């Protein structure tokens, strides 16, 4: 059986059936043609995100995806900064040449 990939929007809309439109998890899973455990996971993810919890699984809102990417970028830049600070052959700029 081929693994199906669902967009973040599809996952969010599917979970909203349960949280916002009072579908049961089973009814929403059937309506969206996904497995019961898959729907249960999406509903839990959306509920956790709405409560401000940091998701352990893949984020399902565009904002969460952007936040995750920005955090990764920040971590990489901080690591590069630390490497440069500890690099003996890189001399710090004189005070007069420092950027504002």
PDB file of N, CA and C in Angstrom:
ATOM      1  N   UNK A   1       0.844  -1.185   0.000  1.00  0.00           N
ATOM      2  CA  UNK A   1       0.000   0.000   0.000  1.00  0.00           C
ATOM      3  C   UNK A   1       0.887   1.245   0.000  1.00  0.00           C
ATOM      4  N   UNK A   2       0.591   2.179  -0.868  1.00  0.00           N
ATOM      5  CA  UNK A   2       1.380   3.398  -1.001  1.00  0.00           C
ATOM      6  C   UNK A   2       1.020   4.384   0.108  1.00  0.00           C
ATOM      7  N   UNK A   3       2.055   4.989   0.693  1.00  0.00           N
ATOM      8  CA  UNK A   3       1.841   5.985   1.742  1.00  0.00           C
ATOM      9  C   UNK A   3       1.344   7.275   1.102  1.00  0.00           C
ATOM     10  N   UNK A   4       0.273   7.812   1.661  1.00  0.00           N
ATOM     11  CA  UNK A   4      -0.280   9.065   1.137  1.00  0.00           C
ATOM     12  C   UNK A   4       0.268  10.235   1.936  1.00  0.00           C
ATOM     13  N   UNK A   5       0.547  11.314   1.229  1.00  0.00           N
ATOM     14  CA  UNK A   5       0.994  12.544   1.878  1.00  0.00           C
ATOM     15  C   UNK A   5      -0.129  13.561   1.821  1.00  0.00           C
ATOM     16  N   UNK A   6      -0.364  14.220   2.943  1.00  0.00           N
ATOM     17  CA  UNK A   6      -1.430  15.209   3.026  1.00  0.00           C
ATOM     18  C   UNK A   6      -0.829  16.577   3.300  1.00  0.00           C
ATOM     19  N   UNK A   7      -1.420  17.586   2.709  1.00  0.00           N
ATOM     20  CA  UNK A   7      -0.936  18.950   2.931  1.00  0.00           C
ATOM     21  C   UNK A   7      -1.290  19.388   4.354  1.00  0.00           C
ATOM     22  N   UNK A   8      -0.566  20.387   4.821  1.00  0.00           N
ATOM     23  CA  UNK A   8      -0.835  20.935   6.153  1.00  0.00           C
ATOM     24  C   UNK A   8      -2.256  21.482   6.221  1.00  0.00           C
ATOM     25  N   UNK A   9      -2.700  22.086   5.138  1.00  0.00           N
ATOM     26  CA  UNK A   9      -4.055  22.646   5.103  1.00  0.00           C
ATOM     27  C   UNK A   9      -5.108  21.545   5.218  1.00  0.00           C
ATOM     28  N   UNK A  10      -4.903  20.432   4.520  1.00  0.00           N
ATOM     29  CA  UNK A  10      -5.840  19.313   4.588  1.00  0.00           C
ATOM     30  C   UNK A  10      -5.909  18.756   6.011  1.00  0.00           C
ATOM     31  N   UNK A  11      -4.750  18.605   6.642  1.00  0.00           N
ATOM     32  CA  UNK A  11      -4.709  18.092   8.014  1.00  0.00           C
ATOM     33  C   UNK A  11      -5.456  19.023   8.964  1.00  0.00           C
ATOM     34  N   UNK A  12      -5.201  20.328   8.826  1.00  0.00           N
ATOM     35  CA  UNK A  12      -5.845  21.307   9.701  1.00  0.00           C
ATOM     36  C   UNK A  12      -7.358  21.297   9.501  1.00  0.00           C
ATOM     37  N   UNK A  13      -7.799  21.300   8.237  1.00  0.00           N
ATOM     38  CA  UNK A  13      -9.241  21.306   7.966  1.00  0.00           C
ATOM     39  C   UNK A  13      -9.903  20.029   8.467  1.00  0.00           C
ATOM     40  N   UNK A  14      -9.219  18.909   8.334  1.00  0.00           N
ATOM     41  CA  UNK A  14      -9.766  17.644   8.824  1.00  0.00           C
ATOM     42  C   UNK A  14      -9.926  17.667  10.338  1.00  0.00           C
ATOM     43  N   UNK A  15      -8.908  18.154  11.038  1.00  0.00           N
ATOM     44  CA  UNK A  15      -8.966  18.223  12.502  1.00  0.00           C
ATOM     45  C   UNK A  15     -10.022  19.220  12.963  1.00  0.00           C
ATOM     46  N   UNK A  16     -10.232  20.272  12.187  1.00  0.00           N
ATOM     47  CA  UNK A  16     -11.240  21.271  12.547  1.00  0.00           C
ATOM     48  C   UNK A  16     -12.651  20.691  12.510  1.00  0.00           C
ATOM     49  N   UNK A  17     -12.872  19.656  11.710  1.00  0.00           N
ATOM     50  CA  UNK A  17     -14.186  19.007  11.707  1.00  0.00           C
ATOM     51  C   UNK A  17     -14.525  18.512  13.112  1.00  0.00           C
ATOM     52  N   UNK A  18     -13.547  17.954  13.785  1.00  0.00           N
ATOM     53  CA  UNK A  18     -13.769  17.412  15.129  1.00  0.00           C
ATOM     54  C   UNK A  18     -13.844  18.533  16.161  1.00  0.00           C
ATOM     55  N   UNK A  19     -12.885  19.454  16.106  1.00  0.00           N
ATOM     56  CA  UNK A  19     -12.791  20.479  17.146  1.00  0.00           C
ATOM     57  C   UNK A  19     -13.811  21.600  16.992  1.00  0.00           C
ATOM     58  N   UNK A  20     -14.154  21.956  15.765  1.00  0.00           N
ATOM     59  CA  UNK A  20     -15.021  23.113  15.546  1.00  0.00           C
ATOM     60  C   UNK A  20     -16.437  22.760  15.096  1.00  0.00           C
ATOM     61  N   UNK A  21     -16.595  21.596  14.468  1.00  0.00           N
ATOM     62  CA  UNK A  21     -17.908  21.264  13.905  1.00  0.00           C
ATOM     63  C   UNK A  21     -18.549  20.049  14.558  1.00  0.00           C
ATOM     64  N   UNK A  22     -17.991  19.624  15.681  1.00  0.00           N
ATOM     65  CA  UNK A  22     -18.571  18.563  16.516  1.00  0.00           C
ATOM     66  C   UNK A  22     -18.732  17.212  15.825  1.00  0.00           C
ATOM     67  N   UNK A  23     -17.870  16.919  14.847  1.00  0.00           N
ATOM     68  CA  UNK A  23     -17.832  15.571  14.288  1.00  0.00           C
ATOM     69  C   UNK A  23     -17.148  14.669  15.309  1.00  0.00           C
ATOM     70  N   UNK A  24     -17.465  13.388  15.279  1.00  0.00           N
ATOM     71  CA  UNK A  24     -16.666  12.443  16.052  1.00  0.00           C
ATOM     72  C   UNK A  24     -15.395  12.184  15.251  1.00  0.00           C
ATOM     73  N   UNK A  25     -14.380  11.686  15.922  1.00  0.00           N
ATOM     74  CA  UNK A  25     -13.126  11.395  15.220  1.00  0.00           C
ATOM     75  C   UNK A  25     -13.381  10.360  14.127  1.00  0.00           C
ATOM     76  N   UNK A  26     -14.184   9.352  14.438  1.00  0.00           N
ATOM     77  CA  UNK A  26     -14.484   8.304  13.461  1.00  0.00           C
ATOM     78  C   UNK A  26     -15.234   8.865  12.252  1.00  0.00           C
ATOM     79  N   UNK A  27     -16.206   9.742  12.498  1.00  0.00           N
ATOM     80  CA  UNK A  27     -16.982  10.321  11.395  1.00  0.00           C
ATOM     81  C   UNK A  27     -16.106  11.219  10.521  1.00  0.00           C
ATOM     82  N   UNK A  28     -15.242  11.994  11.144  1.00  0.00           N
ATOM     83  CA  UNK A  28     -14.347  12.871  10.382  1.00  0.00           C
ATOM     84  C   UNK A  28     -13.355  12.044   9.573  1.00  0.00           C
ATOM     85  N   UNK A  29     -12.824  10.985  10.169  1.00  0.00           N
ATOM     86  CA  UNK A  29     -11.881  10.117   9.461  1.00  0.00           C
ATOM     87  C   UNK A  29     -12.544   9.485   8.247  1.00  0.00           C
ATOM     88  N   UNK A  30     -13.766   9.041   8.426  1.00  0.00           N
ATOM     89  CA  UNK A  30     -14.512   8.446   7.317  1.00  0.00           C
ATOM     90  C   UNK A  30     -14.808   9.479   6.232  1.00  0.00           C
ATOM     91  N   UNK A  31     -15.247  10.666   6.637  1.00  0.00           N
ATOM     92  CA  UNK A  31     -15.589  11.720   5.676  1.00  0.00           C
ATOM     93  C   UNK A  31     -14.373  12.165   4.866  1.00  0.00           C
ATOM     94  N   UNK A  32     -13.209  12.172   5.491  1.00  0.00           N
ATOM     95  CA  UNK A  32     -11.993  12.646   4.813  1.00  0.00           C
ATOM     96  C   UNK A  32     -11.175  11.494   4.222  1.00  0.00           C
ATOM     97  N   UNK A  33     -11.659  10.269   4.393  1.00  0.00           N
ATOM     98  CA  UNK A  33     -11.016   9.069   3.854  1.00  0.00           C
ATOM     99  C   UNK A  33      -9.582   8.902   4.375  1.00  0.00           C
ATOM    100  N   UNK A  34      -9.444   9.006   5.693  1.00  0.00           N
ATOM    101  CA  UNK A  34      -8.152   8.761   6.343  1.00  0.00           C
ATOM    102  C   UNK A  34      -8.374   7.779   7.487  1.00  0.00           C
ATOM    103  N   UNK A  35      -7.306   7.211   7.975  1.00  0.00           N
ATOM    104  CA  UNK A  35      -7.397   6.264   9.071  1.00  0.00           C
ATOM    105  C   UNK A  35      -7.780   6.931  10.383  1.00  0.00           C
ATOM    106  N   UNK A  36      -8.355   6.142  11.255  1.00  0.00           N
ATOM    107  CA  UNK A  36      -8.791   6.646  12.558  1.00  0.00           C
ATOM    108  C   UNK A  36      -7.602   7.155  13.379  1.00  0.00           C
ATOM    109  N   UNK A  37      -6.507   6.413  13.396  1.00  0.00           N
ATOM    110  CA  UNK A  37      -5.343   6.845  14.181  1.00  0.00           C
ATOM    111  C   UNK A  37      -4.719   8.111  13.594  1.00  0.00           C
ATOM    112  N   UNK A  38      -4.766   8.239  12.279  1.00  0.00           N
ATOM    113  CA  UNK A  38      -4.247   9.445  11.628  1.00  0.00           C
ATOM    114  C   UNK A  38      -5.070  10.657  12.040  1.00  0.00           C
ATOM    115  N   UNK A  39      -6.384  10.527  11.987  1.00  0.00           N
ATOM    116  CA  UNK A  39      -7.268  11.634  12.364  1.00  0.00           C
ATOM    117  C   UNK A  39      -7.084  11.983  13.840  1.00  0.00           C
ATOM    118  N   UNK A  40      -6.954  10.970  14.684  1.00  0.00           N
ATOM    119  CA  UNK A  40      -6.746  11.205  16.116  1.00  0.00           C
ATOM    120  C   UNK A  40      -5.474  12.022  16.344  1.00  0.00           C
ATOM    121  N   UNK A  41      -4.407  11.681  15.630  1.00  0.00           N
ATOM    122  CA  UNK A  41      -3.135  12.400  15.764  1.00  0.00           C
ATOM    123  C   UNK A  41      -3.280  13.849  15.309  1.00  0.00           C
ATOM    124  N   UNK A  42      -3.960  14.090  14.176  1.00  0.00           N
ATOM    125  CA  UNK A  42      -4.144  15.451  13.672  1.00  0.00           C
ATOM    126  C   UNK A  42      -4.959  16.299  14.645  1.00  0.00           C
ATOM    127  N   UNK A  43      -5.996  15.701  15.227  1.00  0.00           N
ATOM    128  CA  UNK A  43      -6.837  16.427  16.187  1.00  0.00           C
ATOM    129  C   UNK A  43      -6.011  16.794  17.418  1.00  0.00           C
ATOM    130  N   UNK A  44      -5.215  15.853  17.909  1.00  0.00           N
ATOM    131  CA  UNK A  44      -4.366  16.132  19.074  1.00  0.00           C
ATOM    132  C   UNK A  44      -3.363  17.240  18.757  1.00  0.00           C
ATOM    133  N   UNK A  45      -2.761  17.181  17.577  1.00  0.00           N
ATOM    134  CA  UNK A  45      -1.804  18.220  17.177  1.00  0.00           C
ATOM    135  C   UNK A  45      -2.454  19.593  17.169  1.00  0.00           C
ATOM    136  N   UNK A  46      -3.616  19.707  16.538  1.00  0.00           N
ATOM    137  CA  UNK A  46      -4.288  20.998  16.434  1.00  0.00           C
ATOM    138  C   UNK A  46      -4.720  21.489  17.813  1.00  0.00           C
ATOM    139  N   UNK A  47      -5.230  20.591  18.635  1.00  0.00           N
ATOM    140  CA  UNK A  47      -5.642  20.971  19.992  1.00  0.00           C
ATOM    141  C   UNK A  47      -4.436  21.489  20.783  1.00  0.00           C
ATOM    142  N   UNK A  48      -3.314  20.783  20.685  1.00  0.00           N
ATOM    143  CA  UNK A  48      -2.095  21.208  21.386  1.00  0.00           C
ATOM    144  C   UNK A  48      -1.612  22.562  20.884  1.00  0.00           C
ATOM    145  N   UNK A  49      -1.637  22.770  19.572  1.00  0.00           N
ATOM    146  CA  UNK A  49      -1.196  24.050  19.009  1.00  0.00           C
ATOM    147  C   UNK A  49      -2.086  25.195  19.478  1.00  0.00           C
ATOM    148  N   UNK A  50      -3.375  24.944  19.555  1.00  0.00           N
ATOM    149  CA  UNK A  50      -4.302  25.978  20.017  1.00  0.00           C
ATOM    150  C   UNK A  50      -4.072  26.316  21.486  1.00  0.00           C
ATOM    151  N   UNK A  51      -3.571  25.353  22.241  1.00  0.00           N
ATOM    152  CA  UNK A  51      -3.287  25.587  23.660  1.00  0.00           C
ATOM    153  C   UNK A  51      -1.883  26.141  23.870  1.00  0.00           C
ATOM    154  N   UNK A  52      -1.155  26.357  22.789  1.00  0.00           N
ATOM    155  CA  UNK A  52       0.172  26.947  22.877  1.00  0.00           C
ATOM    156  C   UNK A  52       1.286  25.970  23.183  1.00  0.00           C
ATOM    157  N   UNK A  53       0.996  24.678  23.138  1.00  0.00           N
ATOM    158  CA  UNK A  53       2.029  23.683  23.392  1.00  0.00           C
ATOM    159  C   UNK A  53       2.899  23.545  22.148  1.00  0.00           C
ATOM    160  N   UNK A  54       4.174  23.268  22.373  1.00  0.00           N
ATOM    161  CA  UNK A  54       5.089  23.069  21.252  1.00  0.00           C
ATOM    162  C   UNK A  54       4.856  21.664  20.698  1.00  0.00           C
ATOM    163  N   UNK A  55       4.543  21.567  19.423  1.00  0.00           N
ATOM    164  CA  UNK A  55       4.251  20.251  18.854  1.00  0.00           C
ATOM    165  C   UNK A  55       5.506  19.389  18.733  1.00  0.00           C
ATOM    166  N   UNK A  56       5.358  18.097  19.042  1.00  0.00           N
ATOM    167  CA  UNK A  56       6.468  17.158  18.894  1.00  0.00           C
ATOM    168  C   UNK A  56       6.507  16.642  17.461  1.00  0.00           C
ATOM    169  N   UNK A  57       5.359  16.505  16.863  1.00  0.00           N
ATOM    170  CA  UNK A  57       5.274  16.045  15.478  1.00  0.00           C
ATOM    171  C   UNK A  57       5.368  17.247  14.552  1.00  0.00           C
ATOM    172  N   UNK A  58       5.178  16.994  13.297  1.00  0.00           N
ATOM    173  CA  UNK A  58       5.252  18.080  12.318  1.00  0.00           C
ATOM    174  C   UNK A  58       4.150  19.095  12.570  1.00  0.00           C
ATOM    175  N   UNK A  59       4.478  20.365  12.507  1.00  0.00           N
ATOM    176  CA  UNK A  59       3.462  21.393  12.696  1.00  0.00           C
ATOM    177  C   UNK A  59       2.467  21.381  11.546  1.00  0.00           C
ATOM    178  N   UNK A  60       1.236  21.815  11.818  1.00  0.00           N
ATOM    179  CA  UNK A  60       0.242  21.758  10.753  1.00  0.00           C
ATOM    180  C   UNK A  60      -0.270  23.129  10.347  1.00  0.00           C
ATOM    181  N   UNK A  61       0.172  24.179  10.974  1.00  0.00           N
ATOM    182  CA  UNK A  61      -0.242  25.505  10.516  1.00  0.00           C
ATOM    183  C   UNK A  61       0.940  26.167   9.819  1.00  0.00           C
ATOM    184  N   UNK A  62       0.683  26.999   8.836  1.00  0.00           N
ATOM    185  CA  UNK A  62       1.781  27.682   8.141  1.00  0.00           C
ATOM    186  C   UNK A  62       2.655  28.495   9.097  1.00  0.00           C
ATOM    187  N   UNK A  63       2.038  29.091  10.113  1.00  0.00           N
ATOM    188  CA  UNK A  63       2.797  29.876  11.081  1.00  0.00           C
ATOM    189  C   UNK A  63       3.764  28.988  11.861  1.00  0.00           C
ATOM    190  N   UNK A  64       3.311  27.798  12.243  1.00  0.00           N
ATOM    191  CA  UNK A  64       4.170  26.871  12.978  1.00  0.00           C
ATOM    192  C   UNK A  64       5.332  26.402  12.106  1.00  0.00           C
ATOM    193  N   UNK A  65       5.072  26.189  10.830  1.00  0.00           N
ATOM    194  CA  UNK A  65       6.131  25.789   9.903  1.00  0.00           C
ATOM    195  C   UNK A  65       7.170  26.898   9.799  1.00  0.00           C
ATOM    196  N   UNK A  66       6.711  28.143   9.668  1.00  0.00           N
ATOM    197  CA  UNK A  66       7.628  29.280   9.573  1.00  0.00           C
ATOM    198  C   UNK A  66       8.444  29.433  10.858  1.00  0.00           C
ATOM    199  N   UNK A  67       7.797  29.290  12.005  1.00  0.00           N
ATOM    200  CA  UNK A  67       8.499  29.398  13.288  1.00  0.00           C
ATOM    201  C   UNK A  67       9.586  28.330  13.389  1.00  0.00           C
ATOM    202  N   UNK A  68       9.254  27.100  12.999  1.00  0.00           N
ATOM    203  CA  UNK A  68      10.236  26.012  13.051  1.00  0.00           C
ATOM    204  C   UNK A  68      11.441  26.326  12.162  1.00  0.00           C
ATOM    205  N   UNK A  69      11.187  26.814  10.945  1.00  0.00           N
ATOM    206  CA  UNK A  69      12.278  27.144  10.025  1.00  0.00           C
ATOM    207  C   UNK A  69      13.134  28.289  10.560  1.00  0.00           C
ATOM    208  N   UNK A  70      12.494  29.299  11.145  1.00  0.00           N
ATOM    209  CA  UNK A  70      13.243  30.429  11.700  1.00  0.00           C
ATOM    210  C   UNK A  70      14.090  30.009  12.898  1.00  0.00           C
ATOM    211  N   UNK A  71      13.568  29.109  13.722  1.00  0.00           N
ATOM    212  CA  UNK A  71      14.337  28.617  14.867  1.00  0.00           C
ATOM    213  C   UNK A  71      15.568  27.843  14.398  1.00  0.00           C
ATOM    214  N   UNK A  72      15.402  27.029  13.350  1.00  0.00           N
ATOM    215  CA  UNK A  72      16.540  26.294  12.803  1.00  0.00           C
ATOM    216  C   UNK A  72      17.592  27.252  12.260  1.00  0.00           C
ATOM    217  N   UNK A  73      17.137  28.282  11.555  1.00  0.00           N
ATOM    218  CA  UNK A  73      18.057  29.265  10.981  1.00  0.00           C
ATOM    219  C   UNK A  73      18.803  30.005  12.092  1.00  0.00           C
ATOM    220  N   UNK A  74      18.084  30.419  13.130  1.00  0.00           N
ATOM    221  CA  UNK A  74      18.703  31.118  14.256  1.00  0.00           C
ATOM    222  C   UNK A  74      19.749  30.235  14.929  1.00  0.00           C
ATOM    223  N   UNK A  75      19.417  28.979  15.137  1.00  0.00           N
ATOM    224  CA  UNK A  75      20.350  28.055  15.782  1.00  0.00           C
ATOM    225  C   UNK A  75      21.622  27.909  14.943  1.00  0.00           C
ATOM    226  N   UNK A  76      21.467  27.790  13.617  1.00  0.00           N
ATOM    227  CA  UNK A  76      22.627  27.660  12.739  1.00  0.00           C
ATOM    228  C   UNK A  76      23.505  28.912  12.796  1.00  0.00           C
ATOM    229  N   UNK A  77      22.880  30.088  12.761  1.00  0.00           N
ATOM    230  CA  UNK A  77      23.627  31.351  12.799  1.00  0.00           C
ATOM    231  C   UNK A  77      24.347  31.516  14.134  1.00  0.00           C
ATOM    232  N   UNK A  78      23.684  31.154  15.236  1.00  0.00           N
ATOM    233  CA  UNK A  78      24.329  31.238  16.548  1.00  0.00           C
ATOM    234  C   UNK A  78      25.530  30.300  16.630  1.00  0.00           C
ATOM    235  N   UNK A  79      25.401  29.113  16.035  1.00  0.00           N
ATOM    236  CA  UNK A  79      26.507  28.168  16.031  1.00  0.00           C
ATOM    237  C   UNK A  79      27.678  28.731  15.208  1.00  0.00           C
ATOM    238  N   UNK A  80      27.379  29.307  14.052  1.00  0.00           N
ATOM    239  CA  UNK A  80      28.426  29.914  13.228  1.00  0.00           C
ATOM    240  C   UNK A  80      29.115  31.048  13.985  1.00  0.00           C
ATOM    241  N   UNK A  81      28.335  31.844  14.686  1.00  0.00           N
ATOM    242  CA  UNK A  81      28.880  32.942  15.493  1.00  0.00           C
ATOM    243  C   UNK A  81      29.835  32.419  16.558  1.00  0.00           C
ATOM    244  N   UNK A  82      29.420  31.363  17.255  1.00  0.00           N
ATOM    245  CA  UNK A  82      30.266  30.780  18.297  1.00  0.00           C
ATOM    246  C   UNK A  82      31.576  30.260  17.715  1.00  0.00           C
ATOM    247  N   UNK A  83      31.499  29.648  16.545  1.00  0.00           N
ATOM    248  CA  UNK A  83      32.710  29.141  15.893  1.00  0.00           C
ATOM    249  C   UNK A  83      33.652  30.295  15.579  1.00  0.00           C
ATOM    250  N   UNK A  84      33.107  31.365  15.021  1.00  0.00           N
ATOM    251  CA  UNK A  84      33.943  32.515  14.670  1.00  0.00           C
ATOM    252  C   UNK A  84      34.533  33.197  15.904  1.00  0.00           C
ATOM    253  N   UNK A  85      33.774  33.255  16.988  1.00  0.00           N
ATOM    254  CA  UNK A  85      34.274  33.875  18.221  1.00  0.00           C
ATOM    255  C   UNK A  85      35.465  33.104  18.783  1.00  0.00           C
ATOM    256  N   UNK A  86      35.446  31.797  18.621  1.00  0.00           N
ATOM    257  CA  UNK A  86      36.497  30.951  19.184  1.00  0.00           C
ATOM    258  C   UNK A  86      37.608  30.634  18.190  1.00  0.00           C
ATOM    259  N   UNK A  87      37.545  31.208  17.035  1.00  0.00           N
ATOM    260  CA  UNK A  87      38.523  30.953  15.986  1.00  0.00           C
ATOM    261  C   UNK A  87      39.759  31.829  16.216  1.00  0.00           C
ATOM    262  N   UNK A  88      40.941  31.225  16.435  1.00  0.00           N
ATOM    263  CA  UNK A  88      42.126  32.016  16.780  1.00  0.00           C
ATOM    264  C   UNK A  88      42.643  32.893  15.646  1.00  0.00           C
ATOM    265  N   UNK A  89      42.398  32.547  14.409  1.00  0.00           N
ATOM    266  CA  UNK A  89      42.933  33.339  13.305  1.00  0.00           C
ATOM    267  C   UNK A  89      42.012  34.471  12.867  1.00  0.00           C
ATOM    268  N   UNK A  90      40.851  34.578  13.451  1.00  0.00           N
ATOM    269  CA  UNK A  90      39.947  35.688  13.148  1.00  0.00           C
ATOM    270  C   UNK A  90      40.085  36.712  14.267  1.00  0.00           C
ATOM    271  N   UNK A  91      40.520  37.899  13.898  1.00  0.00           N
ATOM    272  CA  UNK A  91      40.716  38.953  14.897  1.00  0.00           C
ATOM    273  C   UNK A  91      39.468  39.820  14.968  1.00  0.00           C
ATOM    274  N   UNK A  92      39.060  40.224  16.148  1.00  0.00           N
ATOM    275  CA  UNK A  92      37.887  41.099  16.262  1.00  0.00           C
ATOM    276  C   UNK A  92      38.170  42.464  15.642  1.00  0.00           C
ATOM    277  N   UNK A  93      37.128  43.083  15.157  1.00  0.00           N
ATOM    278  CA  UNK A  93      37.257  44.427  14.588  1.00  0.00           C
ATOM    279  C   UNK A  93      37.600  45.427  15.683  1.00  0.00           C
ATOM    280  N   UNK A  94      38.391  46.430  15.320  1.00  0.00           N
ATOM    281  CA  UNK A  94      38.618  47.505  16.292  1.00  0.00           C
ATOM    282  C   UNK A  94      37.300  48.215  16.590  1.00  0.00           C
ATOM    283  N   UNK A  95      37.201  48.796  17.739  1.00  0.00           N
ATOM    284  CA  UNK A  95      35.977  49.465  18.199  1.00  0.00           C
ATOM    285  C   UNK A  95      35.470  50.470  17.166  1.00  0.00           C
ATOM    286  N   UNK A  96      36.364  51.166  16.489  1.00  0.00           N
ATOM    287  CA  UNK A  96      35.965  52.201  15.525  1.00  0.00           C
ATOM    288  C   UNK A  96      35.344  51.619  14.258  1.00  0.00           C
ATOM    289  N   UNK A  97      35.565  50.336  13.974  1.00  0.00           N
ATOM    290  CA  UNK A  97      35.040  49.723  12.756  1.00  0.00           C
ATOM    291  C   UNK A  97      33.823  48.842  13.008  1.00  0.00           C
ATOM    292  N   UNK A  98      33.388  48.738  14.237  1.00  0.00           N
ATOM    293  CA  UNK A  98      32.243  47.876  14.543  1.00  0.00           C
ATOM    294  C   UNK A  98      30.971  48.441  13.953  1.00  0.00           C
ATOM    295  N   UNK A  99      30.111  47.545  13.548  1.00  0.00           N
ATOM    296  CA  UNK A  99      28.825  47.941  12.983  1.00  0.00           C
ATOM    297  C   UNK A  99      27.898  48.424  14.090  1.00  0.00           C
ATOM    298  N   UNK A 100      26.984  49.322  13.751  1.00  0.00           N
ATOM    299  CA  UNK A 100      26.069  49.838  14.787  1.00  0.00           C
ATOM    300  C   UNK A 100      25.132  48.772  15.307  1.00  0.00           C
TER     301      UNK A 100
END
